[in-house]
Amino acid sequence: MTKKTVVRTVSATEAQNRFGALIKHAYADEEHVIVERGGIPVVAIVPMHDYERLIASEDTGDSMAGEVSPGGAASAARARLKAFLAESRDQIPYVTDEEVEKDIQEAITEIRRQK
């Protein structure tokens, strides 16, 4: 026998005020929570396994499916962060600690002067 999915609708304000409880209901009770703004449904909070099933059924390719699988999102985020940092590091000139400290002190002095 298949358990019937409970779908609850809440306002954006209620979702903001009760976010932790809504998340708990989604994963512990397998509820789907529809969040409305101005009476219009805008987002849903669903258990991760339901979301994974949805993504797997869509034509999203391997990259999206990998990002939502357990551990996949963290791994993909780390890879994107690593690439971003490497690219940024190549674009930023080397500055010594002394130069940074001098710039900070100059900025503080200027701000205090303006007060």
N, C-alpha and C. Protein backbone atom coordinates (compact mmCIF):
# COMPACT_ATOMS: atom_id res chain seq x y z
N MET A 1 0.84 -1.18 0.00
CA MET A 1 0.00 0.00 0.00
C MET A 1 0.89 1.25 0.00
N THR A 2 0.59 2.19 -0.88
CA THR A 2 1.37 3.41 -1.00
C THR A 2 0.82 4.47 -0.07
N LYS A 3 1.73 5.12 0.64
CA LYS A 3 1.34 6.20 1.54
C LYS A 3 0.98 7.43 0.71
N LYS A 4 -0.14 8.04 1.02
CA LYS A 4 -0.58 9.22 0.31
C LYS A 4 0.25 10.42 0.78
N THR A 5 0.74 11.19 -0.20
CA THR A 5 1.53 12.37 0.12
C THR A 5 0.65 13.48 0.65
N VAL A 6 1.05 14.05 1.79
CA VAL A 6 0.34 15.18 2.37
C VAL A 6 0.91 16.45 1.75
N VAL A 7 0.02 17.31 1.25
CA VAL A 7 0.44 18.58 0.68
C VAL A 7 -0.17 19.68 1.53
N ARG A 8 0.71 20.55 2.03
CA ARG A 8 0.27 21.67 2.87
C ARG A 8 0.62 22.97 2.14
N THR A 9 -0.23 23.97 2.23
CA THR A 9 0.03 25.28 1.64
C THR A 9 0.15 26.30 2.76
N VAL A 10 1.22 27.11 2.68
CA VAL A 10 1.46 28.15 3.69
C VAL A 10 1.82 29.45 2.98
N SER A 11 1.62 30.54 3.69
CA SER A 11 2.03 31.84 3.15
C SER A 11 3.54 31.99 3.28
N ALA A 12 4.11 32.92 2.52
CA ALA A 12 5.55 33.17 2.60
C ALA A 12 5.93 33.62 4.01
N THR A 13 5.09 34.41 4.63
CA THR A 13 5.37 34.88 5.99
C THR A 13 5.41 33.71 6.96
N GLU A 14 4.43 32.81 6.85
CA GLU A 14 4.42 31.64 7.73
C GLU A 14 5.64 30.76 7.47
N ALA A 15 6.01 30.61 6.20
CA ALA A 15 7.18 29.81 5.86
C ALA A 15 8.44 30.42 6.48
N GLN A 16 8.54 31.73 6.44
CA GLN A 16 9.70 32.41 7.03
C GLN A 16 9.73 32.19 8.54
N ASN A 17 8.59 32.31 9.18
CA ASN A 17 8.51 32.19 10.63
C ASN A 17 8.66 30.76 11.12
N ARG A 18 8.28 29.78 10.30
CA ARG A 18 8.28 28.38 10.74
C ARG A 18 9.16 27.49 9.87
N PHE A 19 10.20 28.07 9.27
CA PHE A 19 11.01 27.35 8.30
C PHE A 19 11.54 26.02 8.84
N GLY A 20 12.10 26.05 10.04
CA GLY A 20 12.65 24.82 10.63
C GLY A 20 11.61 23.73 10.77
N ALA A 21 10.43 24.10 11.23
CA ALA A 21 9.36 23.11 11.40
C ALA A 21 8.89 22.57 10.05
N LEU A 22 8.83 23.44 9.05
CA LEU A 22 8.39 22.99 7.73
C LEU A 22 9.39 22.01 7.12
N ILE A 23 10.68 22.29 7.32
CA ILE A 23 11.71 21.37 6.82
C ILE A 23 11.56 20.01 7.52
N LYS A 24 11.35 20.05 8.83
CA LYS A 24 11.19 18.80 9.57
C LYS A 24 10.00 18.00 9.06
N HIS A 25 8.89 18.68 8.81
CA HIS A 25 7.71 17.98 8.28
C HIS A 25 8.02 17.38 6.91
N ALA A 26 8.78 18.10 6.10
CA ALA A 26 9.10 17.60 4.75
C ALA A 26 9.92 16.32 4.82
N TYR A 27 10.98 16.31 5.66
CA TYR A 27 11.80 15.09 5.66
C TYR A 27 11.29 14.02 6.61
N ALA A 28 10.72 14.38 7.74
CA ALA A 28 10.29 13.36 8.70
C ALA A 28 8.92 12.78 8.36
N ASP A 29 8.01 13.65 7.92
CA ASP A 29 6.64 13.20 7.63
C ASP A 29 6.38 13.06 6.13
N GLU A 30 7.41 13.34 5.32
CA GLU A 30 7.31 13.27 3.87
C GLU A 30 6.19 14.16 3.32
N GLU A 31 6.02 15.32 3.93
CA GLU A 31 5.03 16.29 3.44
C GLU A 31 5.64 17.12 2.32
N HIS A 32 4.76 17.62 1.47
CA HIS A 32 5.12 18.62 0.47
C HIS A 32 4.50 19.92 0.94
N VAL A 33 5.31 20.97 0.99
CA VAL A 33 4.82 22.27 1.46
C VAL A 33 4.90 23.24 0.29
N ILE A 34 3.76 23.81 -0.07
CA ILE A 34 3.69 24.81 -1.13
C ILE A 34 3.68 26.18 -0.46
N VAL A 35 4.60 27.04 -0.85
CA VAL A 35 4.69 28.38 -0.27
C VAL A 35 4.08 29.37 -1.26
N GLU A 36 3.12 30.14 -0.76
CA GLU A 36 2.45 31.12 -1.59
C GLU A 36 2.88 32.53 -1.21
N ARG A 37 2.95 33.38 -2.19
CA ARG A 37 3.20 34.81 -1.97
C ARG A 37 2.05 35.53 -2.66
N GLY A 38 1.27 36.25 -1.86
CA GLY A 38 0.12 36.95 -2.42
C GLY A 38 -0.91 36.00 -3.01
N GLY A 39 -1.01 34.81 -2.43
CA GLY A 39 -1.97 33.82 -2.89
C GLY A 39 -1.53 33.03 -4.12
N ILE A 40 -0.31 33.29 -4.60
CA ILE A 40 0.20 32.59 -5.78
C ILE A 40 1.29 31.62 -5.34
N PRO A 41 1.17 30.34 -5.70
CA PRO A 41 2.21 29.37 -5.34
C PRO A 41 3.52 29.72 -6.04
N VAL A 42 4.61 29.84 -5.26
CA VAL A 42 5.89 30.25 -5.85
C VAL A 42 7.01 29.22 -5.69
N VAL A 43 7.03 28.48 -4.58
CA VAL A 43 8.05 27.46 -4.38
C VAL A 43 7.45 26.30 -3.59
N ALA A 44 8.19 25.19 -3.59
CA ALA A 44 7.76 24.03 -2.83
C ALA A 44 8.93 23.51 -2.00
N ILE A 45 8.62 23.02 -0.83
CA ILE A 45 9.59 22.33 0.02
C ILE A 45 9.18 20.87 -0.01
N VAL A 46 10.06 20.03 -0.54
CA VAL A 46 9.73 18.61 -0.69
C VAL A 46 10.87 17.77 -0.13
N PRO A 47 10.58 16.53 0.27
CA PRO A 47 11.66 15.66 0.73
C PRO A 47 12.68 15.45 -0.39
N MET A 48 13.94 15.33 -0.01
CA MET A 48 15.02 15.23 -0.99
C MET A 48 14.82 14.05 -1.93
N HIS A 49 14.36 12.92 -1.42
CA HIS A 49 14.18 11.75 -2.29
C HIS A 49 13.14 12.02 -3.36
N ASP A 50 12.11 12.82 -3.06
CA ASP A 50 11.12 13.18 -4.08
C ASP A 50 11.74 14.09 -5.12
N TYR A 51 12.57 15.02 -4.68
CA TYR A 51 13.24 15.93 -5.60
C TYR A 51 14.20 15.15 -6.51
N GLU A 52 14.96 14.22 -5.93
CA GLU A 52 15.88 13.41 -6.72
C GLU A 52 15.13 12.62 -7.78
N ARG A 53 13.98 12.09 -7.39
CA ARG A 53 13.16 11.33 -8.34
C ARG A 53 12.66 12.23 -9.46
N LEU A 54 12.27 13.46 -9.13
CA LEU A 54 11.82 14.42 -10.13
C LEU A 54 12.95 14.75 -11.10
N ILE A 55 14.12 15.04 -10.57
CA ILE A 55 15.26 15.39 -11.42
C ILE A 55 15.64 14.21 -12.31
N ALA A 56 15.61 13.01 -11.75
CA ALA A 56 15.97 11.83 -12.53
C ALA A 56 14.98 11.61 -13.67
N SER A 57 13.73 12.00 -13.49
CA SER A 57 12.72 11.79 -14.53
C SER A 57 12.75 12.86 -15.61
N GLU A 58 13.41 13.98 -15.33
CA GLU A 58 13.52 15.08 -16.29
C GLU A 58 14.72 14.85 -17.20
N ASP A 59 14.73 15.54 -18.30
CA ASP A 59 15.86 15.47 -19.23
C ASP A 59 16.87 16.55 -18.82
N THR A 60 17.54 16.34 -17.69
CA THR A 60 18.45 17.35 -17.17
C THR A 60 19.91 17.00 -17.38
N GLY A 61 20.18 15.80 -17.80
CA GLY A 61 21.57 15.42 -18.01
C GLY A 61 22.23 14.98 -16.72
N ASP A 62 23.43 14.45 -16.86
CA ASP A 62 24.16 13.92 -15.71
C ASP A 62 24.60 14.99 -14.73
N SER A 63 24.89 16.21 -15.21
CA SER A 63 25.43 17.24 -14.31
C SER A 63 24.42 17.61 -13.23
N MET A 64 23.16 17.81 -13.58
CA MET A 64 22.15 18.17 -12.59
C MET A 64 21.88 17.00 -11.66
N ALA A 65 21.76 15.82 -12.19
CA ALA A 65 21.49 14.66 -11.34
C ALA A 65 22.61 14.45 -10.34
N GLY A 66 23.86 14.69 -10.74
CA GLY A 66 24.99 14.56 -9.84
C GLY A 66 24.97 15.58 -8.73
N GLU A 67 24.50 16.79 -9.04
CA GLU A 67 24.48 17.84 -8.03
C GLU A 67 23.44 17.61 -6.96
N VAL A 68 22.33 16.94 -7.27
CA VAL A 68 21.29 16.75 -6.27
C VAL A 68 21.39 15.42 -5.56
N SER A 69 22.26 14.53 -6.03
CA SER A 69 22.42 13.26 -5.34
C SER A 69 23.14 13.50 -4.02
N PRO A 70 22.93 12.62 -3.02
CA PRO A 70 23.60 12.81 -1.74
C PRO A 70 25.11 12.94 -1.93
N GLY A 71 25.66 14.02 -1.41
CA GLY A 71 27.09 14.27 -1.54
C GLY A 71 27.45 14.95 -2.85
N GLY A 72 26.61 14.82 -3.86
CA GLY A 72 26.89 15.40 -5.17
C GLY A 72 26.87 16.91 -5.14
N ALA A 73 25.94 17.49 -4.42
CA ALA A 73 25.84 18.95 -4.35
C ALA A 73 27.07 19.53 -3.68
N ALA A 74 27.50 18.93 -2.60
CA ALA A 74 28.68 19.43 -1.90
C ALA A 74 29.92 19.28 -2.77
N SER A 75 30.04 18.17 -3.46
CA SER A 75 31.18 17.93 -4.33
C SER A 75 31.19 18.92 -5.49
N ALA A 76 30.04 19.15 -6.10
CA ALA A 76 29.95 20.09 -7.21
C ALA A 76 30.24 21.51 -6.74
N ALA A 77 29.75 21.86 -5.56
CA ALA A 77 30.00 23.21 -5.02
C ALA A 77 31.48 23.39 -4.74
N ARG A 78 32.12 22.38 -4.18
CA ARG A 78 33.57 22.47 -3.91
C ARG A 78 34.35 22.65 -5.21
N ALA A 79 33.96 21.92 -6.25
CA ALA A 79 34.66 22.02 -7.53
C ALA A 79 34.49 23.41 -8.13
N ARG A 80 33.27 23.97 -8.05
CA ARG A 80 33.04 25.32 -8.57
C ARG A 80 33.82 26.36 -7.77
N LEU A 81 33.86 26.20 -6.44
CA LEU A 81 34.61 27.13 -5.60
C LEU A 81 36.11 27.04 -5.91
N LYS A 82 36.62 25.84 -6.05
CA LYS A 82 38.04 25.66 -6.36
C LYS A 82 38.39 26.33 -7.68
N ALA A 83 37.56 26.16 -8.70
CA ALA A 83 37.80 26.79 -10.01
C ALA A 83 37.74 28.31 -9.90
N PHE A 84 36.75 28.81 -9.14
CA PHE A 84 36.62 30.25 -8.96
C PHE A 84 37.84 30.83 -8.26
N LEU A 85 38.30 30.18 -7.20
CA LEU A 85 39.46 30.67 -6.46
C LEU A 85 40.72 30.65 -7.33
N ALA A 86 40.88 29.60 -8.12
CA ALA A 86 42.06 29.52 -9.00
C ALA A 86 42.03 30.65 -10.02
N GLU A 87 40.87 30.89 -10.61
CA GLU A 87 40.73 31.97 -11.59
C GLU A 87 40.96 33.33 -10.93
N SER A 88 40.42 33.54 -9.76
CA SER A 88 40.57 34.81 -9.05
C SER A 88 42.03 35.04 -8.67
N ARG A 89 42.68 34.01 -8.19
CA ARG A 89 44.06 34.12 -7.75
C ARG A 89 44.95 34.56 -8.92
N ASP A 90 44.66 34.08 -10.12
CA ASP A 90 45.45 34.45 -11.28
C ASP A 90 45.24 35.91 -11.68
N GLN A 91 44.10 36.48 -11.31
CA GLN A 91 43.78 37.84 -11.72
C GLN A 91 44.16 38.90 -10.69
N ILE A 92 44.46 38.48 -9.48
CA ILE A 92 44.78 39.42 -8.41
C ILE A 92 46.29 39.51 -8.26
N PRO A 93 46.84 40.72 -8.34
CA PRO A 93 48.29 40.84 -8.17
C PRO A 93 48.69 40.53 -6.73
N TYR A 94 49.93 40.07 -6.55
CA TYR A 94 50.40 39.76 -5.21
C TYR A 94 50.60 41.06 -4.42
N VAL A 95 50.09 41.08 -3.22
CA VAL A 95 50.22 42.24 -2.35
C VAL A 95 50.75 41.73 -1.01
N THR A 96 51.76 42.41 -0.50
CA THR A 96 52.34 41.98 0.79
C THR A 96 51.40 42.34 1.93
N ASP A 97 51.61 41.69 3.07
CA ASP A 97 50.82 41.99 4.26
C ASP A 97 51.01 43.43 4.69
N GLU A 98 52.22 43.93 4.54
CA GLU A 98 52.51 45.32 4.93
C GLU A 98 51.71 46.30 4.07
N GLU A 99 51.60 46.03 2.77
CA GLU A 99 50.83 46.90 1.87
C GLU A 99 49.34 46.87 2.23
N VAL A 100 48.85 45.69 2.56
CA VAL A 100 47.45 45.55 2.95
C VAL A 100 47.19 46.34 4.23
N GLU A 101 48.06 46.18 5.21
CA GLU A 101 47.90 46.88 6.49
C GLU A 101 47.95 48.40 6.27
N LYS A 102 48.84 48.86 5.43
CA LYS A 102 48.95 50.29 5.14
C LYS A 102 47.66 50.80 4.50
N ASP A 103 47.11 50.06 3.53
CA ASP A 103 45.86 50.46 2.88
C ASP A 103 44.70 50.52 3.87
N ILE A 104 44.66 49.55 4.77
CA ILE A 104 43.59 49.52 5.78
C ILE A 104 43.70 50.74 6.69
N GLN A 105 44.90 51.03 7.15
CA GLN A 105 45.09 52.19 8.04
C GLN A 105 44.74 53.49 7.33
N GLU A 106 45.09 53.61 6.06
CA GLU A 106 44.74 54.81 5.30
C GLU A 106 43.22 54.95 5.17
N ALA A 107 42.54 53.86 4.92
CA ALA A 107 41.08 53.88 4.80
C ALA A 107 40.44 54.28 6.12
N ILE A 108 40.94 53.73 7.23
CA ILE A 108 40.40 54.07 8.55
C ILE A 108 40.61 55.55 8.85
N THR A 109 41.81 56.05 8.56
CA THR A 109 42.12 57.46 8.78
C THR A 109 41.19 58.35 7.97
N GLU A 110 40.97 58.00 6.72
CA GLU A 110 40.09 58.80 5.84
C GLU A 110 38.65 58.80 6.35
N ILE A 111 38.17 57.66 6.79
CA ILE A 111 36.79 57.57 7.31
C ILE A 111 36.66 58.42 8.58
N ARG A 112 37.61 58.32 9.46
CA ARG A 112 37.57 59.11 10.71
C ARG A 112 37.65 60.60 10.41
N ARG A 113 38.43 60.98 9.40
CA ARG A 113 38.56 62.37 9.01
C ARG A 113 37.22 62.93 8.51
N GLN A 114 36.45 62.11 7.82
CA GLN A 114 35.17 62.55 7.25
C GLN A 114 34.09 62.72 8.30
N LYS A 115 34.25 62.13 9.47
CA LYS A 115 33.24 62.22 10.53
C LYS A 115 33.28 63.51 11.20
